[in-house]
């Protein structure tokens, strides 16, 4: 997938629309190719523009037995996984960023720089990717993101048509809202960007049935008042989970 994705990007793929969020595209590698991953930022799965490495933070690899290793990312990618890492869990965060609408246009700054801004939002986004056909115990690892998608079974072990339950936590508590899901190639069929939209229950759990083989993305979005209104108006959270159905 990574080689194909880079080829599409080179041909000029990308999006300038609003509602951007990050996700991880991971590849186990084949033959002599080393396993690696890319971090995208946009809303057109599976390929959009690459997120600048400077904006990718807290990248961790969780091995099948649960060991956690911090990874560094540099350049455009693909970014290598640890040696022999063909199954496990990748987790990363997007560095928090401000966006203000001002009389001069959009600015990547808070109200501290633009006190008369029409609006201001701060993003705090997180992403996970399950790698391999069986991630061992890695999928159970919770990372404490402000908004976190927590699978309740290993997505890597599923087959098309198997149900998948995910719990959404906001500041560690069950969150009520919508989880949207899509698979690679769905957007090209026309219509919306998402194949499924499922509401969470009182425990924050959404039950999804991914019925198509290939690369899948789940995402949740939440927004709340910023804790310091002199700095910004809103704090927005996107959380994404990607995996492959074989």
Protein backbone atom coordinates (compact mmCIF):
# COMPACT_ATOMS: atom_id res chain seq x y z
CA UNK A 1 0.00 0.00 0.00
CA UNK A 2 2.82 2.43 0.83
CA UNK A 3 4.42 2.34 -2.60
CA UNK A 4 1.04 2.84 -4.26
CA UNK A 5 0.20 5.70 -1.92
CA UNK A 6 3.44 7.52 -2.66
CA UNK A 7 2.84 7.15 -6.37
CA UNK A 8 -0.61 8.70 -6.03
CA UNK A 9 0.81 11.58 -4.02
CA UNK A 10 3.45 12.20 -6.63
CA UNK A 11 0.68 12.46 -9.19
CA UNK A 12 -0.84 15.32 -7.22
CA UNK A 13 -3.35 13.74 -4.88
CA UNK A 14 -4.43 15.83 -1.89
CA UNK A 15 -7.26 17.80 -0.39
CA UNK A 16 -7.72 21.36 0.74
CA UNK A 17 -11.15 20.81 2.29
CA UNK A 18 -11.96 21.44 5.93
CA UNK A 19 -12.34 18.83 8.69
CA UNK A 20 -8.83 17.44 8.35
CA UNK A 21 -7.60 14.72 10.70
CA UNK A 22 -4.62 12.34 10.79
CA UNK A 23 -4.39 8.58 10.31
CA UNK A 24 -1.66 5.96 10.03
CA UNK A 25 -1.16 3.75 6.96
CA UNK A 26 0.98 0.79 8.06
CA UNK A 27 2.45 -1.96 5.92
CA UNK A 28 3.91 -5.27 7.05
CA UNK A 29 6.28 -5.26 4.09
CA UNK A 30 6.76 -8.01 1.52
CA UNK A 31 9.87 -9.86 0.45
CA UNK A 32 12.89 -7.69 1.19
CA UNK A 33 10.76 -4.60 1.88
CA UNK A 34 11.04 -3.46 5.49
CA UNK A 35 7.77 -2.86 7.36
CA UNK A 36 6.92 0.83 7.60
CA UNK A 37 4.20 3.44 7.90
CA UNK A 38 3.02 6.81 6.63
CA UNK A 39 1.00 9.45 8.48
CA UNK A 40 -1.65 11.19 6.41
CA UNK A 41 -3.64 14.34 7.13
CA UNK A 42 -6.88 15.08 5.33
CA UNK A 43 -10.28 13.44 4.98
CA UNK A 44 -9.98 11.25 1.88
CA UNK A 45 -8.99 7.76 3.01
CA UNK A 46 -6.71 5.94 2.27
CA UNK A 47 -4.49 8.61 0.66
CA UNK A 48 -4.34 12.34 1.27
CA UNK A 49 -1.42 14.67 1.92
CA UNK A 50 1.33 13.55 4.27
CA UNK A 51 1.48 15.11 7.71
CA UNK A 52 4.75 16.96 8.25
CA UNK A 53 7.07 14.93 10.47
CA UNK A 54 7.40 17.95 12.79
CA UNK A 55 3.68 17.65 13.53
CA UNK A 56 3.87 13.94 14.39
CA UNK A 57 4.43 13.39 18.11
CA UNK A 58 4.58 10.60 20.69
CA UNK A 59 5.00 7.76 18.19
CA UNK A 60 5.07 4.39 19.90
CA UNK A 61 5.21 0.77 18.80
CA UNK A 62 3.45 -1.79 21.00
CA UNK A 63 4.77 -5.32 20.45
CA UNK A 64 2.48 -8.39 20.69
CA UNK A 65 3.57 -9.08 24.28
CA UNK A 66 2.85 -5.47 25.28
CA UNK A 67 6.35 -3.94 25.28
CA UNK A 68 6.30 -0.28 24.24
CA UNK A 69 9.05 1.31 22.15
CA UNK A 70 9.27 5.02 21.28
CA UNK A 71 9.90 5.70 17.57
CA UNK A 72 11.39 8.76 15.89
CA UNK A 73 10.01 10.00 12.58
CA UNK A 74 11.96 12.09 10.11
CA UNK A 75 11.34 13.28 6.59
CA UNK A 76 8.34 12.43 4.46
CA UNK A 77 8.48 8.65 5.00
CA UNK A 78 7.82 5.82 4.79
CA UNK A 79 8.98 5.59 8.40
CA UNK A 80 10.47 2.21 9.34
CA UNK A 81 9.06 -0.03 12.03
CA UNK A 82 11.39 -1.78 14.46
CA UNK A 83 13.26 -4.79 13.08
CA UNK A 84 11.03 -7.87 12.71
CA UNK A 85 7.95 -5.83 13.66
CA UNK A 86 5.33 -7.45 11.45
CA UNK A 87 2.50 -7.45 14.00
CA UNK A 88 1.52 -5.14 16.84
CA UNK A 89 0.08 -1.66 17.34
CA UNK A 90 1.27 1.76 16.23
CA UNK A 91 0.11 4.83 18.12
CA UNK A 92 0.85 8.50 17.52
CA UNK A 93 -0.41 11.98 18.21
CA UNK A 94 -0.56 15.13 16.14
CA UNK A 95 1.21 18.01 17.84
CA UNK A 96 -1.50 20.37 19.22
CA UNK A 97 -2.18 23.30 16.92
CA UNK A 98 -4.30 26.45 16.90
CA UNK A 99 -6.38 27.81 14.03
CA UNK A 100 -8.01 31.25 14.13
CA UNK A 101 -10.31 32.96 11.64
CA UNK A 102 -9.29 36.60 11.48
CA UNK A 103 -10.00 39.65 9.33
CA UNK A 104 -6.72 38.79 7.60
CA UNK A 105 -7.80 35.22 6.88
CA UNK A 106 -6.98 31.95 8.61
CA UNK A 107 -3.99 31.98 10.92
CA UNK A 108 -2.20 29.15 12.77
CA UNK A 109 -2.30 31.04 16.06
CA UNK A 110 -4.41 31.48 19.19
CA UNK A 111 -6.30 34.47 20.59
CA UNK A 112 -3.13 35.46 22.38
CA UNK A 113 -1.78 36.52 18.98
CA UNK A 114 -5.18 37.51 17.49
CA UNK A 115 -7.47 38.66 20.34
CA UNK A 116 -10.08 39.96 17.86
CA UNK A 117 -10.29 36.70 15.90
CA UNK A 118 -13.80 35.70 14.78
CA UNK A 119 -13.19 32.19 16.14
CA UNK A 120 -10.37 30.04 17.43
CA UNK A 121 -9.97 26.28 17.76
CA UNK A 122 -7.21 24.08 19.11
CA UNK A 123 -6.77 20.54 17.80
CA UNK A 124 -5.50 17.59 19.84
CA UNK A 125 -5.68 14.56 17.55
CA UNK A 126 -4.60 10.95 18.05
CA UNK A 127 -4.26 7.87 15.88
CA UNK A 128 -3.70 4.13 16.10
CA UNK A 129 -2.98 1.41 13.54
CA UNK A 130 -3.22 -2.32 14.13
CA UNK A 131 -0.52 -4.15 12.16
CA UNK A 132 -0.51 -7.79 11.10
CA UNK A 133 -3.03 -10.61 11.06
CA UNK A 134 -2.81 -10.97 14.85
CA UNK A 135 -1.52 -8.22 17.12
CA UNK A 136 -1.22 -10.44 20.19
CA UNK A 137 -1.95 -8.38 23.31
CA UNK A 138 -0.96 -5.06 21.68
CA UNK A 139 -4.53 -4.06 20.77
CA UNK A 140 -5.45 -3.98 24.48
CA UNK A 141 -2.99 -1.18 25.24
CA UNK A 142 -4.67 2.09 26.28
CA UNK A 143 -2.77 5.30 25.70
CA UNK A 144 -4.78 7.90 27.58
CA UNK A 145 -5.46 10.17 24.61
CA UNK A 146 -8.05 12.89 25.36
CA UNK A 147 -10.34 11.16 22.83
CA UNK A 148 -9.45 7.50 22.38
CA UNK A 149 -10.82 4.70 20.23
CA UNK A 150 -10.40 1.46 22.17
CA UNK A 151 -11.13 -1.77 20.27
CA UNK A 152 -12.77 -4.45 22.42
CA UNK A 153 -11.30 -7.24 20.31
CA UNK A 154 -8.30 -7.51 18.03
CA UNK A 155 -9.27 -5.92 14.67
CA UNK A 156 -6.36 -7.76 13.03
CA UNK A 157 -7.95 -11.13 13.80
CA UNK A 158 -11.28 -10.32 12.10
CA UNK A 159 -12.56 -11.50 8.75
CA UNK A 160 -14.95 -9.57 6.52
CA UNK A 161 -18.42 -9.60 8.07
CA UNK A 162 -17.22 -10.18 11.64
CA UNK A 163 -18.58 -7.59 14.11
CA UNK A 164 -16.16 -5.17 15.75
CA UNK A 165 -16.96 -3.37 18.99
CA UNK A 166 -15.00 -0.23 19.88
CA UNK A 167 -15.32 1.95 22.95
CA UNK A 168 -14.84 5.70 22.69
CA UNK A 169 -13.46 7.47 25.75
CA UNK A 170 -13.31 11.23 26.28
CA UNK A 171 -10.93 12.05 29.13
CA UNK A 172 -11.21 8.41 30.16
CA UNK A 173 -15.02 8.38 30.38
CA UNK A 174 -17.53 6.75 27.97
CA UNK A 175 -18.49 9.20 25.22
CA UNK A 176 -21.80 9.41 23.39
CA UNK A 177 -21.58 10.34 19.73
CA UNK A 178 -20.91 8.84 16.30
CA UNK A 179 -18.15 6.60 15.02
CA UNK A 180 -17.68 6.82 11.26
CA UNK A 181 -16.02 4.05 9.27
CA UNK A 182 -14.86 3.59 5.70
CA UNK A 183 -12.63 1.36 3.60
CA UNK A 184 -10.10 1.99 0.84
CA UNK A 185 -11.89 2.58 -2.44
CA UNK A 186 -15.26 3.55 -0.99
CA UNK A 187 -14.90 7.28 -1.68
CA UNK A 188 -14.15 6.54 -5.33
CA UNK A 189 -17.64 5.02 -5.63
CA UNK A 190 -19.14 8.49 -5.11
CA UNK A 191 -21.35 9.81 -2.35
CA UNK A 192 -20.03 10.42 1.15
CA UNK A 193 -16.56 9.65 2.47
CA UNK A 194 -17.87 7.13 5.00
CA UNK A 195 -19.44 3.74 4.44
CA UNK A 196 -20.86 3.43 7.95
CA UNK A 197 -21.96 5.73 10.77
CA UNK A 198 -22.76 4.10 14.12
CA UNK A 199 -23.84 5.76 17.37
CA UNK A 200 -22.21 4.79 20.66
CA UNK A 201 -24.34 3.46 23.49
CA UNK A 202 -24.40 4.54 27.13
CA UNK A 203 -21.05 2.81 27.69
CA UNK A 204 -19.49 4.61 24.74
CA UNK A 205 -19.47 1.43 22.64
CA UNK A 206 -20.14 1.37 18.90
CA UNK A 207 -20.69 -1.94 17.11
CA UNK A 208 -19.53 -1.97 13.51
CA UNK A 209 -19.62 -4.72 10.89
CA UNK A 210 -16.82 -4.16 8.34
CA UNK A 211 -18.00 -6.33 5.45
CA UNK A 212 -15.31 -5.60 2.82
CA UNK A 213 -11.74 -6.88 2.77
CA UNK A 214 -8.96 -4.29 2.62
CA UNK A 215 -7.81 -1.24 4.59
CA UNK A 216 -10.32 0.25 7.05
CA UNK A 217 -10.48 3.50 9.01
CA UNK A 218 -12.63 4.32 12.04
CA UNK A 219 -12.82 7.85 13.37
CA UNK A 220 -14.53 9.78 16.15
CA UNK A 221 -14.76 13.53 16.69
CA UNK A 222 -15.50 15.52 19.84
CA UNK A 223 -15.38 19.20 20.72
CA UNK A 224 -15.60 21.13 23.98
CA UNK A 225 -15.09 24.63 25.34
CA UNK A 226 -11.45 25.56 25.65
CA UNK A 227 -10.38 25.68 29.32
CA UNK A 228 -8.94 29.18 28.83
CA UNK A 229 -11.24 31.41 26.71
CA UNK A 230 -8.56 34.09 26.51
CA UNK A 231 -6.39 31.59 24.63
CA UNK A 232 -9.01 29.95 22.39
CA UNK A 233 -12.74 29.18 22.04
CA UNK A 234 -12.87 25.44 21.40
CA UNK A 235 -10.70 22.36 21.76
CA UNK A 236 -11.37 19.73 19.08
CA UNK A 237 -10.38 16.08 19.12
CA UNK A 238 -10.16 13.55 16.31
CA UNK A 239 -9.23 9.95 17.02
CA UNK A 240 -8.63 7.38 14.28
CA UNK A 241 -8.01 3.65 14.12
CA UNK A 242 -6.81 1.84 10.99
CA UNK A 243 -6.51 -1.89 10.33
CA UNK A 244 -6.64 -4.41 7.48
CA UNK A 245 -9.22 -7.11 6.86
CA UNK A 246 -7.68 -10.00 4.92
